[in-house]
Amino acid sequence: MNTRPLLILLVALPLHAVELVEWERIPLPVALNIGQERIVFVDRNVRVGYPVALEGKLRIQSSNGTLYLLASHQFAATRLQLQDTENGELMLLDVSASKGEHIREPIRIVREEKKTSDAKPDTTPEPSTPLPVALTRYAAQMLYAPLRTVEPLLGVQPEGVRLAKTISTLLPALPVSTIPIGGWRLDPYHLAAIRLQNKSATRLELDPRQLQGQFYAASFQHRWLGPAGSAEDTPVLYLITRNQRPEQAILPEPAPEKKK
């Protein structure tokens, strides 16, 4: 068992390439696949208004500036209103749903920053995102997003992961293979990206409390593993340590048995 609490990063991470759309006071089209949740990063707290016609057809969840949209039925383009809870600004989305096979990427809505005459060009705002969250987001983009879309992160450096090719001690209670695929450092934090693969024929639920080791934070790409051979059987686990390298936090591999 872990000897200290594990911080779970409950954040929306752009684990696939993120589609950037600019709000220019023109309604933004958002296409959904029936049965597939699509994430919209608004990056500010909003109230969501929608017509009664969408009741029972579209599930809308809003948390900390992120929308989670899940359609259960087909419907034509229908308008949602997003109202900023701080300044009352409205944004409009034209959401539609249909049957689709390919995965819809998350969307991030960006706005043109307002320029002020008295702004100081050499003033750098303090980052509002906690470093472990920013580091995890950066690693996810490096693994899944086109390089041209990776958001720069000041101070981050790639770091070799000195771990076994397969790690048997990380999730010993589950029939999964665990393979290190990358590492990054942003002092005082270190991140190791671990690819998980289900070796069983059943769906597996992922619980960070099952992780064995001394970790500062952990974030699964998904909270479950699809059966072996399915498209969802191989997500990534992001492990973060503080003031120590990942190999110092993961339990060592058992010594090989001596041949008789």
Protein backbone atom coordinates (compact mmCIF):
# COMPACT_ATOMS: atom_id res chain seq x y z
CA MET A 1 0.00 0.00 0.00
CA ASN A 2 1.07 3.60 -0.48
CA THR A 3 2.50 5.21 2.63
CA ARG A 4 1.17 8.69 1.96
CA PRO A 5 -1.89 10.19 0.24
CA LEU A 6 -1.82 10.46 -3.51
CA LEU A 7 -2.88 13.70 -5.17
CA ILE A 8 -5.13 12.93 -8.12
CA LEU A 9 -5.16 15.52 -10.88
CA LEU A 10 -8.85 16.00 -11.56
CA VAL A 11 -8.33 18.25 -14.55
CA ALA A 12 -9.33 18.14 -18.11
CA LEU A 13 -6.21 17.33 -20.01
CA PRO A 14 -5.81 17.67 -23.75
CA LEU A 15 -4.76 14.10 -24.28
CA HIS A 16 -5.48 14.25 -28.00
CA ALA A 17 -4.81 17.08 -30.42
CA VAL A 18 -6.97 19.99 -29.36
CA GLU A 19 -8.95 21.90 -31.99
CA LEU A 20 -8.48 25.64 -31.44
CA VAL A 21 -11.38 27.89 -32.42
CA GLU A 22 -11.48 31.66 -32.00
CA TRP A 23 -14.55 33.43 -30.67
CA GLU A 24 -15.23 36.37 -32.99
CA ARG A 25 -18.89 36.92 -32.06
CA ILE A 26 -19.94 34.39 -34.70
CA PRO A 27 -21.66 31.20 -33.40
CA LEU A 28 -19.15 28.35 -33.24
CA PRO A 29 -20.19 24.98 -34.75
CA VAL A 30 -19.64 21.97 -32.47
CA ALA A 31 -20.29 18.54 -34.01
CA LEU A 32 -20.90 15.56 -31.72
CA ASN A 33 -20.92 11.82 -32.27
CA ILE A 34 -23.81 10.05 -30.58
CA GLY A 35 -22.52 8.26 -27.50
CA GLN A 36 -19.10 9.96 -27.51
CA GLU A 37 -18.42 12.73 -25.01
CA ARG A 38 -16.74 15.81 -26.41
CA ILE A 39 -14.90 18.32 -24.24
CA VAL A 40 -14.98 22.08 -24.79
CA PHE A 41 -12.40 24.15 -22.91
CA VAL A 42 -13.86 27.61 -22.27
CA ASP A 43 -11.26 28.53 -19.63
CA ARG A 44 -13.71 30.61 -17.62
CA ASN A 45 -16.76 29.75 -15.53
CA VAL A 46 -19.96 29.92 -17.56
CA ARG A 47 -23.68 29.32 -17.23
CA VAL A 48 -25.13 27.21 -20.03
CA GLY A 49 -28.50 27.99 -21.58
CA TYR A 50 -30.16 25.53 -23.95
CA PRO A 51 -33.62 25.01 -25.52
CA VAL A 52 -36.13 22.53 -24.13
CA ALA A 53 -35.88 20.58 -27.39
CA LEU A 54 -32.52 19.18 -26.23
CA GLU A 55 -33.96 17.64 -23.06
CA GLY A 56 -33.20 13.92 -23.13
CA LYS A 57 -30.99 14.29 -26.19
CA LEU A 58 -27.92 16.09 -24.83
CA ARG A 59 -26.20 15.83 -21.46
CA ILE A 60 -24.36 19.02 -20.50
CA GLN A 61 -21.93 19.20 -17.60
CA SER A 62 -19.88 22.28 -16.69
CA SER A 63 -16.93 22.35 -14.30
CA ASN A 64 -14.25 25.01 -13.80
CA GLY A 65 -14.41 26.42 -17.29
CA THR A 66 -14.78 23.09 -19.09
CA LEU A 67 -17.91 21.72 -20.78
CA TYR A 68 -18.62 18.02 -21.23
CA LEU A 69 -21.16 17.34 -23.99
CA LEU A 70 -22.67 13.88 -24.56
CA ALA A 71 -25.42 13.32 -27.13
CA SER A 72 -27.72 10.31 -26.88
CA HIS A 73 -29.86 11.11 -29.96
CA GLN A 74 -29.37 12.71 -33.34
CA PHE A 75 -30.33 16.38 -33.67
CA ALA A 76 -29.69 19.27 -36.05
CA ALA A 77 -27.65 22.33 -35.19
CA THR A 78 -29.12 23.85 -32.03
CA ARG A 79 -27.86 26.92 -30.21
CA LEU A 80 -26.32 26.90 -26.72
CA GLN A 81 -25.63 30.13 -24.85
CA LEU A 82 -22.57 30.34 -22.61
CA GLN A 83 -22.63 33.28 -20.20
CA ASP A 84 -19.51 34.32 -18.32
CA THR A 85 -20.41 34.31 -14.62
CA GLU A 86 -18.06 37.24 -13.92
CA ASN A 87 -18.77 39.79 -16.64
CA GLY A 88 -21.94 38.45 -18.29
CA GLU A 89 -20.31 38.08 -21.74
CA LEU A 90 -22.17 35.67 -24.04
CA MET A 91 -20.71 33.09 -26.40
CA LEU A 92 -22.84 31.02 -28.77
CA LEU A 93 -22.34 27.40 -29.83
CA ASP A 94 -24.30 25.67 -32.62
CA VAL A 95 -24.26 22.05 -31.46
CA SER A 96 -25.35 19.12 -33.63
CA ALA A 97 -25.20 15.34 -33.17
CA SER A 98 -25.07 12.44 -35.61
CA LYS A 99 -23.70 8.93 -35.90
CA GLY A 100 -19.94 8.99 -36.41
CA GLU A 101 -17.01 6.60 -36.25
CA HIS A 102 -13.95 8.84 -35.93
CA ILE A 103 -13.15 10.38 -32.55
CA ARG A 104 -14.01 14.06 -32.16
CA GLU A 105 -11.10 16.00 -30.69
CA PRO A 106 -11.58 18.36 -27.74
CA ILE A 107 -12.15 22.02 -28.56
CA ARG A 108 -10.49 25.01 -26.92
CA ILE A 109 -12.17 28.38 -27.39
CA VAL A 110 -9.64 31.20 -27.56
CA ARG A 111 -10.18 34.94 -27.54
CA GLU A 112 -8.06 37.80 -28.81
CA GLU A 113 -6.50 39.52 -25.83
CA LYS A 114 -7.58 43.14 -25.40
CA LYS A 115 -4.65 45.53 -25.70
CA THR A 116 -4.44 48.41 -23.26
CA SER A 117 -2.34 51.54 -23.74
CA ASP A 118 -0.94 51.43 -20.21
CA ALA A 119 0.12 47.78 -20.32
CA LYS A 120 3.73 47.15 -19.44
CA PRO A 121 5.40 45.03 -22.15
CA ASP A 122 7.91 43.53 -19.75
CA THR A 123 5.30 42.43 -17.21
CA THR A 124 4.83 38.66 -17.07
CA PRO A 125 1.67 37.46 -15.29
CA GLU A 126 2.03 34.79 -12.67
CA PRO A 127 0.96 31.35 -13.95
CA SER A 128 -2.48 30.38 -12.64
CA THR A 129 -2.11 26.66 -13.38
CA PRO A 130 -0.39 24.53 -10.70
CA LEU A 131 2.94 23.20 -11.95
CA PRO A 132 1.96 19.48 -11.71
CA VAL A 133 -1.14 20.18 -13.83
CA ALA A 134 0.84 22.20 -16.38
CA LEU A 135 3.53 19.52 -16.59
CA THR A 136 0.97 16.75 -17.11
CA ARG A 137 -0.79 18.77 -19.81
CA TYR A 138 2.52 19.43 -21.56
CA ALA A 139 3.48 15.74 -21.50
CA ALA A 140 0.09 14.75 -22.89
CA GLN A 141 0.46 17.23 -25.74
CA MET A 142 3.99 16.03 -26.51
CA LEU A 143 2.70 12.46 -26.82
CA TYR A 144 -0.53 13.06 -28.71
CA ALA A 145 -0.73 16.52 -30.26
CA PRO A 146 1.02 17.79 -33.40
CA LEU A 147 4.21 19.60 -32.39
CA ARG A 148 2.97 22.87 -33.88
CA THR A 149 0.08 22.89 -31.39
CA VAL A 150 2.11 22.15 -28.23
CA GLU A 151 1.80 25.03 -25.77
CA PRO A 152 5.25 26.18 -24.58
CA LEU A 153 6.02 25.67 -20.90
CA LEU A 154 8.85 27.72 -19.43
CA GLY A 155 11.51 25.64 -17.68
CA VAL A 156 10.38 22.17 -18.80
CA GLN A 157 13.07 19.74 -19.98
CA PRO A 158 12.93 16.19 -21.37
CA GLU A 159 14.31 13.63 -18.97
CA GLY A 160 15.37 10.05 -19.53
CA VAL A 161 13.42 7.51 -17.50
CA ARG A 162 15.70 4.97 -15.84
CA LEU A 163 13.11 2.28 -15.33
CA ALA A 164 12.76 -1.33 -16.38
CA LYS A 165 11.37 -1.92 -19.87
CA THR A 166 8.27 -3.31 -18.19
CA ILE A 167 7.30 -2.49 -14.60
CA SER A 168 5.67 -5.31 -12.65
CA THR A 169 5.44 -3.55 -9.28
CA LEU A 170 3.33 -0.52 -10.23
CA LEU A 171 -0.11 -2.14 -10.58
CA PRO A 172 0.42 -5.71 -9.38
CA ALA A 173 -3.30 -6.26 -8.70
CA LEU A 174 -4.29 -5.79 -12.35
CA PRO A 175 -3.53 -7.92 -15.45
CA VAL A 176 -1.80 -5.09 -17.29
CA SER A 177 1.59 -4.42 -18.83
CA THR A 178 3.24 -1.13 -17.83
CA ILE A 179 5.88 0.31 -20.16
CA PRO A 180 7.72 3.66 -19.66
CA ILE A 181 7.51 5.81 -22.79
CA GLY A 182 8.83 9.24 -21.77
CA GLY A 183 9.83 11.66 -19.05
CA TRP A 184 9.98 15.42 -18.41
CA ARG A 185 11.16 17.67 -15.58
CA LEU A 186 9.92 21.00 -14.31
CA ASP A 187 11.70 21.71 -11.04
CA PRO A 188 10.96 20.51 -8.45
CA TYR A 189 8.70 18.00 -10.26
CA HIS A 190 9.51 14.97 -12.41
CA LEU A 191 7.00 13.21 -14.67
CA ALA A 192 7.09 9.69 -16.08
CA ALA A 193 4.63 8.68 -18.80
CA ILE A 194 3.70 5.00 -18.53
CA ARG A 195 1.75 3.14 -21.21
CA LEU A 196 -0.75 0.68 -19.76
CA GLN A 197 -2.12 -2.23 -21.76
CA ASN A 198 -4.91 -4.57 -20.72
CA LYS A 199 -3.93 -8.21 -21.09
CA SER A 200 -7.35 -9.58 -20.12
CA ALA A 201 -10.62 -9.95 -22.03
CA THR A 202 -12.59 -7.81 -19.58
CA ARG A 203 -12.89 -4.07 -18.99
CA LEU A 204 -10.80 -2.85 -16.04
CA GLU A 205 -11.56 0.14 -13.82
CA LEU A 206 -8.49 2.20 -12.91
CA ASP A 207 -8.12 3.46 -9.35
CA PRO A 208 -5.04 5.52 -8.39
CA ARG A 209 -5.18 3.98 -4.92
CA GLN A 210 -3.98 0.74 -6.53
CA LEU A 211 -0.69 2.34 -7.56
CA GLN A 212 2.28 1.10 -5.57
CA GLY A 213 4.95 3.72 -4.85
CA GLN A 214 5.66 7.20 -3.45
CA PHE A 215 4.02 9.63 -5.89
CA TYR A 216 3.08 13.28 -5.56
CA ALA A 217 0.35 13.06 -8.21
CA ALA A 218 -1.09 10.69 -10.80
CA SER A 219 -3.43 11.12 -13.75
CA PHE A 220 -4.87 8.40 -15.98
CA GLN A 221 -5.67 9.17 -19.60
CA HIS A 222 -8.92 7.27 -19.01
CA ARG A 223 -10.44 5.90 -15.82
CA TRP A 224 -10.81 2.46 -17.37
CA LEU A 225 -9.15 0.01 -19.75
CA GLY A 226 -11.03 -1.65 -22.59
CA PRO A 227 -10.65 -5.41 -23.17
CA ALA A 228 -7.42 -6.57 -24.81
CA GLY A 229 -7.51 -5.95 -28.55
CA SER A 230 -9.97 -3.07 -28.36
CA ALA A 231 -9.17 0.54 -29.30
CA GLU A 232 -9.38 1.53 -25.62
CA ASP A 233 -7.01 -1.09 -24.17
CA THR A 234 -3.87 1.12 -24.11
CA PRO A 235 -4.07 4.48 -22.30
CA VAL A 236 -1.25 6.42 -20.63
CA LEU A 237 -0.60 7.00 -16.94
CA TYR A 238 1.20 10.19 -15.89
CA LEU A 239 3.15 9.85 -12.64
CA ILE A 240 4.60 12.92 -10.91
CA THR A 241 7.18 12.96 -8.14
CA ARG A 242 8.54 15.92 -6.21
CA ASN A 243 12.25 16.37 -5.42
CA GLN A 244 13.03 12.83 -6.57
CA ARG A 245 13.20 10.96 -9.85
CA PRO A 246 10.41 8.49 -10.74
CA GLU A 247 12.68 5.47 -10.43
CA GLN A 248 13.23 6.40 -6.78
CA ALA A 249 9.47 6.42 -6.16
CA ILE A 250 8.50 3.17 -7.89
CA LEU A 251 9.02 -0.07 -6.03
CA PRO A 252 12.07 -1.96 -7.34
CA GLU A 253 11.63 -5.00 -9.52
CA PRO A 254 12.03 -8.33 -7.71
CA ALA A 255 15.32 -10.11 -8.21
CA PRO A 256 15.15 -12.79 -10.92
CA GLU A 257 14.84 -16.32 -9.67
CA LYS A 258 18.03 -18.30 -9.79
CA LYS A 259 18.00 -21.26 -12.12
CA LYS A 260 18.36 -24.55 -10.31
